[in-house]
Every structure is written in C-alpha cells, then in structure tokens.
Protein backbone atom coordinates (compact mmCIF):
# COMPACT_ATOMS: atom_id res chain seq x y z
CA MET A 1 141.99 -7.25 -16.28
CA ARG A 2 140.69 -7.35 -12.73
CA ARG A 3 139.09 -10.58 -11.57
CA GLY A 4 138.67 -12.90 -8.63
CA CYS A 5 139.72 -16.50 -8.76
CA HIS A 6 138.53 -19.95 -7.83
CA CYS A 7 140.87 -21.32 -5.19
CA SER A 8 141.94 -24.92 -4.60
CA LEU A 9 138.79 -25.34 -2.58
CA PHE A 10 137.56 -27.00 -5.78
CA LEU A 11 139.30 -30.15 -4.55
CA ALA A 12 137.13 -30.11 -1.48
CA THR A 13 133.90 -29.32 -3.28
CA LEU A 14 134.29 -32.05 -5.92
CA VAL A 15 132.67 -34.61 -3.67
CA LEU A 16 130.37 -37.00 -5.51
CA ALA A 17 126.86 -35.51 -5.65
CA LEU A 18 123.03 -34.32 -6.83
CA GLN A 19 119.72 -33.30 -5.17
CA GLY A 20 116.70 -31.47 -6.55
CA CYS A 21 113.04 -32.40 -6.28
CA ALA A 22 113.42 -35.43 -4.03
CA SER A 23 109.70 -36.04 -3.72
CA PHE A 24 109.41 -36.31 -7.50
CA TYR A 25 112.35 -38.62 -8.16
CA PHE A 26 112.26 -40.84 -5.06
CA HIS A 27 109.57 -42.75 -3.21
CA LYS A 28 109.40 -45.37 -0.52
CA ALA A 29 110.22 -48.85 -1.76
CA VAL A 30 107.34 -51.31 -1.96
CA PHE A 31 109.68 -54.08 -0.82
CA SER A 32 110.77 -54.57 2.76
CA PRO A 33 114.51 -54.04 3.26
CA PRO A 34 116.62 -57.13 3.94
CA PRO A 35 117.61 -57.78 7.56
CA PRO A 36 120.83 -56.01 8.61
CA ARG A 37 124.03 -58.01 8.84
CA SER A 38 127.50 -57.16 10.07
CA LEU A 39 130.26 -58.19 7.64
CA THR A 40 134.02 -58.08 7.16
CA LEU A 41 135.89 -57.54 3.92
CA SER A 42 136.66 -61.27 3.82
CA ASP A 43 132.93 -61.93 3.36
CA ASN A 44 132.91 -59.93 0.11
CA PRO A 45 136.56 -59.37 -0.82
CA MET A 46 136.34 -58.13 -4.42
CA ARG A 47 134.50 -55.15 -5.87
CA GLU A 48 135.15 -52.56 -8.57
CA TYR A 49 133.10 -49.77 -10.06
CA TRP A 50 133.34 -46.72 -12.30
CA ALA A 51 131.23 -43.57 -11.98
CA GLY A 52 130.74 -40.56 -14.21
CA ILE A 53 130.63 -37.12 -12.60
CA ILE A 54 128.49 -34.20 -13.72
CA PHE A 55 129.17 -30.69 -12.40
CA ASN A 56 126.70 -27.84 -12.90
CA GLY A 57 125.03 -29.65 -15.80
CA SER A 58 128.19 -30.71 -17.68
CA LYS A 59 130.08 -33.98 -17.50
CA ILE A 60 133.54 -33.25 -16.13
CA GLY A 61 135.14 -36.52 -15.10
CA PHE A 62 135.04 -39.99 -13.65
CA SER A 63 136.00 -41.89 -10.52
CA HIS A 64 137.24 -45.45 -10.20
CA PHE A 65 137.22 -47.66 -7.10
CA ARG A 66 138.74 -51.14 -6.73
CA LEU A 67 138.95 -53.34 -3.64
CA ALA A 68 140.90 -56.61 -3.69
CA PRO A 69 142.76 -58.91 -1.24
CA ALA A 70 146.38 -57.89 -0.66
CA ALA A 71 148.91 -60.25 -2.21
CA GLU A 72 150.36 -62.74 0.27
CA GLU A 73 148.86 -61.00 3.29
CA GLU A 74 145.95 -62.73 4.94
CA LYS A 75 143.02 -60.52 5.96
CA ARG A 76 144.63 -57.47 4.40
CA PHE A 77 143.01 -55.62 1.52
CA ASP A 78 144.05 -52.97 -0.98
CA ILE A 79 141.79 -50.11 -2.01
CA GLN A 80 142.78 -48.31 -5.19
CA SER A 81 140.87 -45.14 -5.99
CA GLU A 82 141.15 -42.55 -8.71
CA ALA A 83 139.29 -39.42 -9.71
CA TYR A 84 139.94 -37.39 -12.85
CA PHE A 85 138.33 -34.02 -13.59
CA ARG A 86 138.59 -31.71 -16.55
CA ILE A 87 136.76 -28.43 -16.30
CA ARG A 88 136.82 -25.01 -17.94
CA PHE A 89 137.40 -21.77 -16.05
CA LEU A 90 138.04 -18.36 -17.66
CA MET A 91 138.46 -20.07 -21.06
CA LEU A 92 141.24 -22.39 -19.87
CA ASP A 93 141.16 -26.13 -19.16
CA LYS A 94 141.76 -27.21 -15.56
CA LYS A 95 142.90 -30.79 -15.09
CA ILE A 96 142.81 -32.57 -11.74
CA ASN A 97 143.93 -36.15 -11.10
CA LEU A 98 143.73 -37.77 -7.66
CA ARG A 99 145.12 -41.27 -7.07
CA GLY A 100 145.00 -43.21 -3.84
CA PHE A 101 146.22 -46.55 -2.48
CA ASP A 102 145.09 -47.69 0.97
CA ARG A 103 145.94 -50.97 2.67
CA VAL A 104 143.32 -51.82 5.25
CA ALA A 105 142.53 -54.59 7.72
CA ASP A 106 139.50 -56.88 7.55
CA ASP A 107 137.41 -54.25 9.37
CA LEU A 108 138.46 -51.40 6.99
CA SER A 109 140.84 -49.82 9.53
CA LEU A 110 143.86 -48.10 7.99
CA ILE A 111 147.28 -49.77 7.87
CA CYS A 112 149.22 -47.67 5.34
CA PHE A 113 148.62 -45.46 2.30
CA ASP A 114 150.11 -43.69 -0.74
CA TYR A 115 148.36 -40.71 -2.37
CA ALA A 116 149.31 -38.65 -5.42
CA PHE A 117 147.60 -35.40 -6.41
CA ASP A 118 148.14 -33.62 -9.73
CA ILE A 119 146.40 -30.32 -10.35
CA ASP A 120 147.19 -28.29 -13.45
CA GLY A 121 150.55 -30.08 -13.70
CA ASN A 122 151.63 -29.47 -10.09
CA GLN A 123 152.16 -32.57 -7.95
CA LEU A 124 151.87 -33.41 -4.28
CA SER A 125 152.33 -36.88 -2.79
CA LEU A 126 151.75 -38.39 0.63
CA ASN A 127 152.59 -41.74 2.15
CA GLY A 128 151.95 -42.88 5.66
CA GLN A 129 151.73 -45.78 8.06
CA ARG A 130 149.69 -46.51 11.15
CA LEU A 131 151.87 -47.17 14.19
CA THR A 132 150.58 -48.23 17.61
CA ASN A 133 149.02 -44.93 18.57
CA GLN A 134 150.35 -42.64 15.85
CA LEU A 135 150.05 -42.00 12.14
CA ALA A 136 153.38 -41.16 10.49
CA VAL A 137 152.97 -39.18 7.26
CA THR A 138 155.53 -37.88 4.74
CA VAL A 139 154.44 -35.10 2.37
CA ARG A 140 156.50 -34.46 -0.78
CA SER A 141 156.38 -31.60 -3.29
CA ARG A 142 159.01 -30.11 -5.62
CA GLY A 143 161.69 -32.38 -4.17
CA GLU A 144 161.01 -31.17 -0.62
CA SER A 145 159.64 -33.50 2.06
CA THR A 146 157.96 -32.86 5.39
CA ARG A 147 157.24 -35.47 8.05
CA GLN A 148 154.14 -35.30 10.22
CA VAL A 149 153.29 -37.42 13.26
CA ILE A 150 149.61 -37.42 14.22
CA SER A 151 148.53 -38.77 17.59
CA LEU A 152 145.66 -41.25 17.47
CA GLY A 153 143.16 -41.80 20.24
CA THR A 154 140.79 -44.05 18.35
CA GLN A 155 140.52 -46.40 15.40
CA ILE A 156 140.96 -44.62 12.06
CA TYR A 157 139.94 -45.41 8.51
CA PRO A 158 140.96 -44.03 5.12
CA ALA A 159 138.56 -41.61 3.41
CA SER A 160 138.12 -44.26 0.69
CA ALA A 161 136.38 -46.45 3.29
CA ILE A 162 133.43 -44.07 3.68
CA ALA A 163 131.57 -45.73 0.81
CA LEU A 164 131.88 -49.21 2.40
CA TYR A 165 131.54 -48.51 6.13
CA PRO A 166 127.71 -48.63 6.43
CA PHE A 167 127.55 -51.74 4.25
CA LEU A 168 129.99 -53.65 6.46
CA HIS A 169 128.42 -52.52 9.74
CA GLY A 170 124.83 -53.13 8.75
CA LEU A 171 122.34 -51.45 6.41
CA GLU A 172 119.22 -50.69 8.41
CA VAL A 173 116.98 -47.64 8.33
CA GLY A 174 117.55 -45.59 11.47
CA ARG A 175 121.13 -46.65 12.12
CA ARG A 176 123.79 -43.98 12.58
CA TYR A 177 127.56 -44.30 12.47
CA HIS A 178 130.33 -42.04 13.80
CA TYR A 179 134.00 -42.68 13.07
CA THR A 180 137.26 -40.92 12.15
CA VAL A 181 139.11 -40.97 8.84
CA TYR A 182 142.43 -39.62 7.60
CA ASP A 183 141.76 -37.26 4.71
CA GLY A 184 144.74 -36.95 2.37
CA GLN A 185 143.46 -33.79 0.69
CA THR A 186 143.41 -31.81 3.93
CA GLN A 187 146.15 -33.93 5.58
CA LYS A 188 144.13 -34.17 8.78
CA LEU A 189 141.94 -36.50 10.79
CA ALA A 190 138.27 -35.73 10.25
CA PRO A 191 135.03 -37.03 11.82
CA VAL A 192 132.40 -38.75 9.69
CA ASP A 193 128.70 -38.88 10.56
CA GLN A 194 126.51 -41.28 8.57
CA ALA A 195 122.78 -41.91 8.93
CA ILE A 196 120.63 -44.43 7.03
CA LEU A 197 117.48 -42.43 6.35
CA ALA A 198 115.18 -44.54 4.17
CA TYR A 199 114.72 -47.48 1.82
CA GLU A 200 113.63 -46.07 -1.54
CA GLU A 201 113.04 -46.69 -5.21
CA SER A 202 113.69 -44.21 -8.00
CA GLN A 203 113.48 -43.78 -11.75
CA LEU A 204 117.16 -42.78 -11.58
CA PHE A 205 118.44 -46.29 -10.75
CA ARG A 206 117.36 -49.93 -10.80
CA GLY A 207 115.91 -51.66 -7.76
CA PRO A 208 115.43 -50.43 -4.18
CA ALA A 209 118.29 -48.83 -2.27
CA PHE A 210 119.13 -47.46 1.15
CA LYS A 211 119.34 -43.68 1.33
CA ILE A 212 122.47 -42.72 3.32
CA ARG A 213 123.41 -39.20 4.42
CA THR A 214 127.12 -38.61 5.04
CA ARG A 215 128.45 -35.46 6.69
CA PHE A 216 132.17 -34.98 6.21
CA GLN A 217 134.52 -31.98 6.03
CA GLY A 218 131.75 -29.39 6.02
CA GLY A 219 129.74 -31.01 3.23
CA THR A 220 126.80 -33.39 2.99
CA VAL A 221 126.63 -36.26 0.49
CA THR A 222 123.51 -38.34 -0.10
CA THR A 223 124.08 -41.88 -1.39
CA TRP A 224 121.64 -44.54 -2.57
CA MET A 225 123.23 -47.94 -1.90
CA ASN A 226 121.69 -51.31 -2.74
CA ASP A 227 121.90 -54.29 -0.40
CA HIS A 228 125.00 -55.54 -2.30
CA GLY A 229 126.93 -52.45 -1.22
CA GLU A 230 126.90 -50.75 -4.64
CA SER A 231 126.57 -46.96 -4.64
CA LEU A 232 123.99 -46.44 -7.36
CA LEU A 233 123.81 -42.66 -7.09
CA GLU A 234 125.53 -39.96 -5.04
CA THR A 235 124.56 -36.30 -4.72
CA SER A 236 125.74 -33.13 -2.96
CA LEU A 237 126.18 -29.35 -3.22
CA ASN A 238 122.42 -28.84 -3.67
CA GLY A 239 122.31 -30.76 -6.93
CA VAL A 240 125.34 -29.16 -8.57
CA VAL A 241 127.29 -32.45 -8.84
CA ILE A 242 125.96 -35.88 -9.76
CA SER A 243 127.80 -39.21 -9.67
CA VAL A 244 126.26 -42.27 -11.31
CA LEU A 245 127.51 -45.79 -11.99
CA GLU A 246 128.65 -46.51 -15.54
CA SER A 247 131.02 -48.80 -17.43
CA GLU A 248 134.74 -48.16 -17.76
CA ASP A 249 134.43 -47.41 -21.49
CA VAL A 250 131.68 -44.85 -20.93
CA ALA A 251 133.56 -43.27 -18.01
CA ARG A 252 136.75 -42.76 -19.99
CA LYS A 253 134.99 -41.45 -23.10
CA TYR A 254 134.12 -38.28 -21.22
CA LEU A 255 137.64 -36.94 -21.96
CA ALA A 256 136.74 -36.11 -25.55
CA GLN A 257 133.42 -34.65 -24.45
CA ALA A 258 135.05 -32.48 -21.80
CA ALA A 259 137.61 -31.19 -24.29
CA LEU A 260 134.80 -29.93 -26.52
CA ASN A 261 132.76 -28.49 -23.67
CA LYS A 262 132.89 -24.69 -23.84
CA ASP A 263 130.79 -24.01 -20.75
CA GLU A 264 132.38 -21.93 -17.99
CA ASN A 265 131.45 -24.49 -15.33
CA LEU A 266 133.21 -22.94 -12.35
CA LEU A 267 132.53 -19.32 -13.22
CA GLU A 268 128.78 -19.78 -13.55
CA PHE A 269 128.64 -21.67 -10.26
CA SER A 270 130.82 -19.36 -8.17
CA LEU A 271 129.86 -15.91 -9.48
CA ILE A 272 127.79 -13.81 -7.04
CA LYS A 273 125.85 -11.42 -9.25
CA CYS A 274 124.81 -7.95 -8.07
CA ASP A 275 122.13 -5.51 -9.20
CA THR A 276 124.44 -2.58 -8.50
CA VAL A 277 127.32 -2.12 -10.96
CA ILE A 278 130.70 -0.83 -9.76
CA SER A 279 132.64 0.32 -12.80
CA ASP A 280 135.94 1.10 -11.04
CA PRO A 281 136.29 -0.95 -7.83
CA ASP A 282 139.93 0.11 -7.33
CA ARG A 283 138.65 3.57 -6.35
CA ILE A 284 136.05 2.39 -3.82
CA HIS A 285 136.95 3.93 -0.47
CA THR A 286 134.04 2.73 1.67
CA LEU A 287 131.55 -0.05 0.95
CA THR A 288 128.47 -1.25 2.83
CA VAL A 289 126.88 -4.55 1.82
CA HIS A 290 124.22 -6.98 2.98
CA ILE A 291 125.37 -10.62 2.80
CA SER A 292 122.89 -13.49 2.96
CA GLY A 293 123.18 -17.25 2.49
CA LEU A 294 125.51 -17.78 5.43
CA SER A 295 124.90 -20.73 7.71
CA ASP A 296 124.15 -20.02 11.37
CA SER A 297 127.57 -21.35 12.38
CA VAL A 298 129.47 -18.78 10.28
CA THR A 299 130.56 -15.51 11.86
CA LEU A 300 132.24 -13.05 9.51
CA PRO A 301 135.52 -11.63 10.84
CA ASN A 302 135.82 -8.09 12.17
CA ASP A 303 139.01 -6.01 12.14
CA ASP A 304 140.28 -2.48 11.56
CA ARG A 305 138.88 -2.33 8.00
CA GLN A 306 135.85 -4.65 8.18
CA ALA A 307 132.94 -4.42 10.62
CA CYS A 308 130.14 -6.98 10.26
CA THR A 309 126.91 -7.24 12.26
CA ARG A 310 124.69 -10.29 12.07
CA GLY A 311 121.03 -9.56 11.35
CA GLY A 312 117.87 -11.64 11.01
CA ASN A 313 118.43 -12.72 7.42
CA GLY A 314 122.15 -12.11 6.94
CA SER A 315 124.99 -9.78 7.88
CA ILE A 316 125.66 -6.12 7.16
CA CYS A 317 129.34 -5.36 6.60
CA ARG A 318 131.03 -1.98 6.33
CA LEU A 319 134.45 -1.93 4.66
CA SER A 320 136.48 1.22 5.22
CA PRO A 321 140.09 2.48 5.23
CA LEU A 322 142.44 1.56 8.03
CA SER A 323 142.57 5.22 9.06
CA GLU A 324 138.97 4.96 10.29
CA ALA A 325 140.24 2.77 13.14
CA GLY A 326 140.65 6.10 14.91
CA ASN A 327 143.20 6.74 17.58
CA GLN A 328 143.06 3.26 19.05
CA ASP A 329 146.43 1.74 19.78
CA PRO A 330 147.24 -1.30 17.65
CA VAL A 331 146.63 -4.65 19.34
CA LEU A 332 149.43 -6.97 18.30
CA PRO A 333 149.02 -10.74 18.36
CA ASP A 334 150.85 -12.59 21.11
CA VAL A 335 154.31 -14.08 20.59
CA GLU A 336 152.95 -17.55 19.79
CA THR A 337 150.62 -16.18 17.13
CA LEU A 338 153.36 -14.04 15.59
CA SER A 339 155.63 -17.10 15.45
CA ARG A 340 152.93 -19.00 13.58
CA TYR A 341 152.72 -16.27 10.94
CA LEU A 342 156.49 -16.31 10.47
CA ALA A 343 156.91 -20.09 10.33
CA PRO A 344 157.42 -22.04 7.10
CA THR A 345 154.79 -24.61 6.14
CA ILE A 346 154.39 -27.16 3.38
CA ALA A 347 152.50 -24.60 1.28
CA ILE A 348 154.47 -21.52 2.34
CA SER A 349 158.09 -22.50 1.68
CA ALA A 350 159.50 -19.55 3.62
CA ARG A 351 162.88 -21.10 4.42
CA HIS A 352 163.63 -22.63 1.02
CA PRO A 353 166.97 -21.28 -0.30
CA GLN A 354 165.46 -20.12 -3.60
CA ILE A 355 162.65 -18.27 -1.84
CA SER A 356 164.94 -16.73 0.77
CA SER A 357 167.69 -15.57 -1.56
CA LEU A 358 165.28 -14.13 -4.13
CA ALA A 359 163.25 -12.27 -1.50
CA LYS A 360 166.40 -10.59 -0.15
CA LYS A 361 167.44 -9.65 -3.68
CA ILE A 362 164.02 -8.15 -4.46
CA VAL A 363 163.98 -5.87 -1.40
CA ALA A 364 167.61 -4.78 -1.61
CA GLY A 365 167.65 -1.03 -1.14
CA ALA A 366 164.09 -0.83 0.23
CA ASP A 367 163.72 1.25 3.40
CA GLY A 368 161.22 -0.16 5.92
CA ASP A 369 158.49 -2.78 5.67
CA PRO A 370 156.05 -0.72 3.52
CA GLN A 371 158.71 -0.31 0.81
CA ARG A 372 159.78 -3.96 1.10
CA ILE A 373 156.18 -5.11 0.71
CA ARG A 374 155.73 -2.87 -2.33
CA ALA A 375 158.88 -4.31 -3.90
CA LEU A 376 157.61 -7.89 -3.37
CA ILE A 377 154.19 -7.08 -4.82
CA ASP A 378 155.70 -5.37 -7.88
CA TRP A 379 158.01 -8.32 -8.53
CA ILE A 380 155.17 -10.84 -8.37
CA ARG A 381 153.05 -8.80 -10.79
CA GLN A 382 155.95 -8.50 -13.23
CA HIS A 383 157.18 -12.11 -13.10
CA ILE A 384 154.19 -14.36 -12.23
CA ALA A 385 151.52 -14.66 -14.91
CA ARG A 386 147.93 -14.29 -13.70
CA GLU A 387 146.30 -17.50 -14.97
CA PRO A 388 143.68 -19.81 -13.40
CA VAL A 389 146.24 -22.49 -12.51
CA ASP A 390 146.03 -24.23 -9.14
CA VAL A 391 149.17 -24.94 -7.10
CA PHE A 392 150.10 -26.70 -3.88
CA THR A 393 153.09 -24.61 -2.73
CA ALA A 394 154.87 -21.30 -3.17
CA LEU A 395 157.63 -23.22 -4.97
CA ASP A 396 155.08 -24.38 -7.56
CA VAL A 397 154.36 -20.72 -8.29
CA LEU A 398 158.00 -19.64 -8.45
CA MET A 399 159.08 -22.52 -10.68
CA GLY A 400 155.98 -22.51 -12.88
CA GLY A 401 155.85 -18.75 -13.28
CA ARG A 402 152.05 -18.65 -13.26
CA ALA A 403 149.21 -18.98 -10.76
CA GLU A 404 145.84 -17.65 -9.73
CA CYS A 405 145.18 -15.58 -6.63
CA GLN A 406 145.87 -18.30 -4.11
CA GLY A 407 149.25 -18.99 -5.68
CA HIS A 408 150.15 -15.29 -5.62
CA ALA A 409 149.17 -15.19 -1.94
CA LEU A 410 151.30 -18.26 -1.16
CA LEU A 411 154.38 -16.82 -2.87
CA TYR A 412 153.97 -13.40 -1.27
CA ALA A 413 153.54 -15.01 2.17
CA ALA A 414 156.71 -17.07 1.65
CA PHE A 415 158.68 -13.97 0.59
CA ALA A 416 157.33 -11.89 3.49
CA ARG A 417 157.88 -14.52 6.18
CA THR A 418 161.45 -15.16 5.13
CA LEU A 419 161.99 -11.40 5.58
CA ASP A 420 160.48 -11.61 9.11
CA ILE A 421 157.25 -9.82 8.15
CA PRO A 422 154.37 -11.70 9.88
CA THR A 423 151.94 -12.59 7.11
CA ARG A 424 148.80 -14.68 6.72
CA ILE A 425 146.46 -15.65 3.91
CA VAL A 426 142.82 -14.59 3.93
CA ASN A 427 139.97 -15.73 1.71
CA GLY A 428 136.80 -13.99 0.68
CA ILE A 429 135.16 -12.29 -2.28
CA VAL A 430 136.06 -9.29 -4.41
CA TYR A 431 134.09 -7.32 -6.98
CA ALA A 432 134.91 -8.11 -10.63
CA PRO A 433 133.44 -5.43 -12.94
CA GLU A 434 133.80 -7.54 -16.11
CA PHE A 435 131.40 -10.09 -14.57
CA ARG A 436 129.22 -7.56 -12.70
CA GLY A 437 129.49 -9.41 -9.45
CA PHE A 438 131.74 -10.87 -6.77
CA LEU A 439 134.14 -13.78 -7.27
CA TYR A 440 135.97 -15.83 -4.65
CA HIS A 441 139.47 -14.54 -4.06
CA SER A 442 142.54 -14.89 -1.82
CA TRP A 443 144.91 -12.18 -0.63
CA ASN A 444 147.20 -11.48 2.34
CA GLU A 445 147.49 -9.55 5.56
CA SER A 446 150.86 -8.42 6.89
CA ILE A 447 151.79 -6.58 10.05
CA VAL A 448 152.88 -3.05 9.15
CA ASP A 449 153.58 -0.45 11.86
CA GLY A 450 151.89 -2.64 14.44
CA ARG A 451 148.66 -3.34 12.52
CA TRP A 452 147.41 -6.01 10.16
CA VAL A 453 147.24 -4.44 6.70
CA ALA A 454 145.47 -6.15 3.80
CA VAL A 455 147.77 -6.70 0.80
CA ASP A 456 146.69 -8.05 -2.60
CA PRO A 457 149.61 -9.34 -4.73
CA THR A 458 147.25 -10.25 -7.58
CA PHE A 459 145.94 -6.69 -7.98
CA GLY A 460 149.05 -4.94 -6.66
CA GLN A 461 147.15 -3.16 -3.88
CA ILE A 462 148.54 -1.96 -0.53
CA PRO A 463 146.12 -1.65 1.18
CA VAL A 464 143.30 -3.36 -0.71
CA ASP A 465 140.20 -1.56 -1.96
CA ALA A 466 136.93 -1.73 -0.05
CA THR A 467 135.38 -4.41 -2.30
CA HIS A 468 137.60 -7.05 -0.67
CA ILE A 469 135.24 -8.78 1.79
CA LYS A 470 137.00 -11.24 4.09
CA LEU A 471 135.15 -14.45 4.89
CA LEU A 472 137.85 -16.44 6.70
CA GLU A 473 141.57 -16.84 7.25
CA GLY A 474 143.72 -19.84 6.38
CA GLN A 475 146.22 -21.28 3.94
CA ASN A 476 145.32 -24.98 3.97
CA LEU A 477 142.50 -26.77 2.23
CA SER A 478 141.12 -27.76 5.63
CA ASP A 479 140.90 -24.06 6.56
CA LEU A 480 138.69 -23.46 3.52
CA ILE A 481 136.13 -26.16 4.35
CA PRO A 482 133.59 -23.61 5.73
CA LEU A 483 133.42 -22.09 2.22
CA VAL A 484 131.90 -25.33 0.90
CA ASP A 485 128.56 -24.42 2.40
CA MET A 486 128.71 -20.86 0.99
CA ILE A 487 129.53 -21.39 -2.67
CA GLY A 488 126.39 -21.28 -4.76
CA LYS A 489 124.34 -19.89 -1.83
CA LEU A 490 125.97 -16.56 -0.98
CA LYS A 491 124.17 -13.39 -2.06
CA VAL A 492 125.50 -9.82 -1.82
CA ARG A 493 123.47 -6.62 -2.04
CA ILE A 494 125.41 -3.37 -2.24
CA LEU A 495 123.88 -0.78 0.07
CA SER A 496 126.37 2.03 -0.59
CA ALA A 497 129.71 2.52 -2.36
CA GLU A 498 131.80 5.67 -1.98
C-alpha cells in the first residue's frame, strides 16, 4: 500500500492549545486588573497542576507541572514536567512520553537539566549543565552518547519556564517579554516572544485572566493566566489542540478513554484532500499543482526536478523528470556542504559499526553508485516493516526493524553516508491514492553522477515520481519547525498530471 506518513514533527506540534470564535467565548473583564509586581520564585515557591489535552476533538493525553524548592540548596528550585500522549494513526496506537527535570535559580534561569523522551518505545535522553558562558549537553540513544557545547551570550531559561516567566516579571496588559530558552526537543537555543494582550473573562474558565500570546519555535500559543500565575486555558494550532486545568485523577483517567478512541486523529488533521483523483501516482511523469496556505515567509525550494513560482494567492509548482534539466552542467555543492552531507549525526548514525558493516555487506558486488543505492533501497524494503512508528535515530530503525517514512530516510542516509554517498533528508507531501489526497512524507536526495537525485526508500523509487513535492530540507526536529504553520492550512489543486 502506498501512503505518506506523519513525521516526528508531531512532537513539535503538540504544544498546549485552542482558538475558534474568540469574540463569542471571551470578553473584556469588568474588573480592573491588579497592579503589576515583579517576583522571584522564593515569593511563591510551590505550585503544581495537571492539564488534559484535546487534539482535533479527541482527548489524547495530559501534562503535569510541579515546582518546588530544591533540597538543601537555598534559592534553587526544581521544575518537574511530564506530558503523555496516546493517539491513533493508520489504525495503530502512538504513545509519546516526555519527562523533564530542570534546576533553576530564583529568577528562573537554567542551572542544569535531565530530559527523557520515549516515542513508540524508542528512547532519547539529554542532560546538561550551565557553565560560565557555555551549556554542556550530553545526548544518549541506543547506548551511544554525543556531547554538545553551546556558546551562550545571554541569560537562558528552560522551556518549562515559559509558563512562569510573565507571572514573575509582571502581569500587565501591554507588556512584552523577549528571552532565550534551551529546548530539549530540538536540542537548540530558541527565542521566545511573549505579549500580554488583554484582561478577559470567559465561560470557559472561572474568574478574570490575562491573555498572553507566546511565539516560540514557529508556533503561537495563547494562554489565559490568572493573577495567581495559574494557566487556566491554553490554545494553539488554530483550535486543533486544547489544554485545560483538571485534577490528577481526571487527567490520568484519559488513558482508558484514549484506548477506546477509534478516531484517526492525525490522519484527519494532516490529510490534504484533492478534487482530482490520481489512481496510479507511481506512473506520474510530470505534475503541475497550485499550492496555497503558505505563510509569506515560506519559499518553496527549486531544483532540477521542481520549479515553483510564487503567485498572489499561493505558488505554482511543476514537477518533472531530471532529464528536463536540459544540457546544463551539474552544479555541485562546495566542499563544506558535501562534508556536511557525509558526516554522522545523532540521528544519522553513519559511523556506527553495525551501520557501516551492514551497508558494505548490502552493496557487495554492486557496480557504481546507482546500483549501490538500489541495493540499499531494496534491503530496506525487504527488512524494515512500514509501520507508523516514530524513531529518534537510524539505529532505532535497524534494531527495531520497523519505522515510518522518516525512519526509512534516516536509515538510508546512514547507509549512504557511510559509503561516501552525500545524502540529505527532505520533507514534503506525496499523493496517497487510498486517501485521495496528499500526506506529509520524508524521503532522501543523494548525489549521483554529479546531481542531486531524489530517492524514496519507503516506496522503493529511484528517482521519485512527480507527486513528491518538496517543502523543505532537514533531518532534525528544529529543521521541521516551518511545517508547524503549514499543517492543517495547506491546500493543493492539481492543474495537470501526465
């Protein structure tokens, strides 16, 4: 069966959220807001709350937040956070568990942290410590560890501090805050922009609250916080996700409800339906589409097989065979770029002994890069089950023996790089005839005979068919952040298919 997949971007998009008819649900509070005050954690050292999370109309999980003074350390505080999601995709359960521990100073600034991520049974852990002007981080997965040293030019905070920052620095309509956090999911420093927009009342929560808009990692979250610093309601993704305060018992009871939920939450949200039906996309040679729903900041990539032109209300893209590049000489990337696409990373374990030895065994007897690539693709299709299971690394795929498109792309990239074939991961959409529309998908591009050639290890295609529309390149969760603003908004109209 041919299908797209939902990549690990889901971790990024599961920010706490809602929206909808704001004028109907919210109105200006009849009470005047209390005067602003600047606080430290010592002024209000203990808080804990649970929140239920609803995605696309179905309850899928809970989050838990606890702040308490650190044992035997004056003016040090521990933030423990947890989020658990259970959601259905292509008739299978997806389980995601995120746990975090942050030790912070009295002003919320980061001292050290430990994070553990579990997605569909695959684990990734991080621990780090703030030094004088550096953040030292160790990332562990499948027994392998990688050390990162990040230079710091300013004060940093953990991502768990975002919910408390405006409360400590003063709740007042019109105030705006800018600061930098370390985000464990993307393993990078990221700017945060917060603005206190209004003081409102609503039938959705008790009492008046400050309306706070937070922009972070490509997404926007709207929070209603009371003057005690409690987040009464949080919304994002145009109303697709809702987070509301509830008791621990109610939050945990969702597990039974989620197990019985038969809704295809992710599929319904991410599917881009089309009026035109393509019954056999593998045979599509040339495709012309109109794409709308892109933000002004997004420019679709152009290369030998994809030419996109931005219009008034979207972009027109023509996808065609590599041969249509004409007689132009190939333009190879520079040495530095080539080195980047040959280098091992945390996700692409290109120098791991198991990856390296197996790749050489698979291509034994192959003559030239096209044959070696075909051998790698055939092995992946024969030995890695195509299931909607998220992974963190190529080793997760090899050891687990199953993955969705992003996992296939990670493993292929690791194989190819260890064989000195420059390879990158690209992300976009592909037509899925069983759903009569486009689904989000990941595949690869490798340099063959001096040109980047699109390769799809999930579908076994070299090169890929014309329904593969590239939106961006990148292997890390941080690279996928621009997709956050596209999912649920993108529309595709097929103009011609040959």
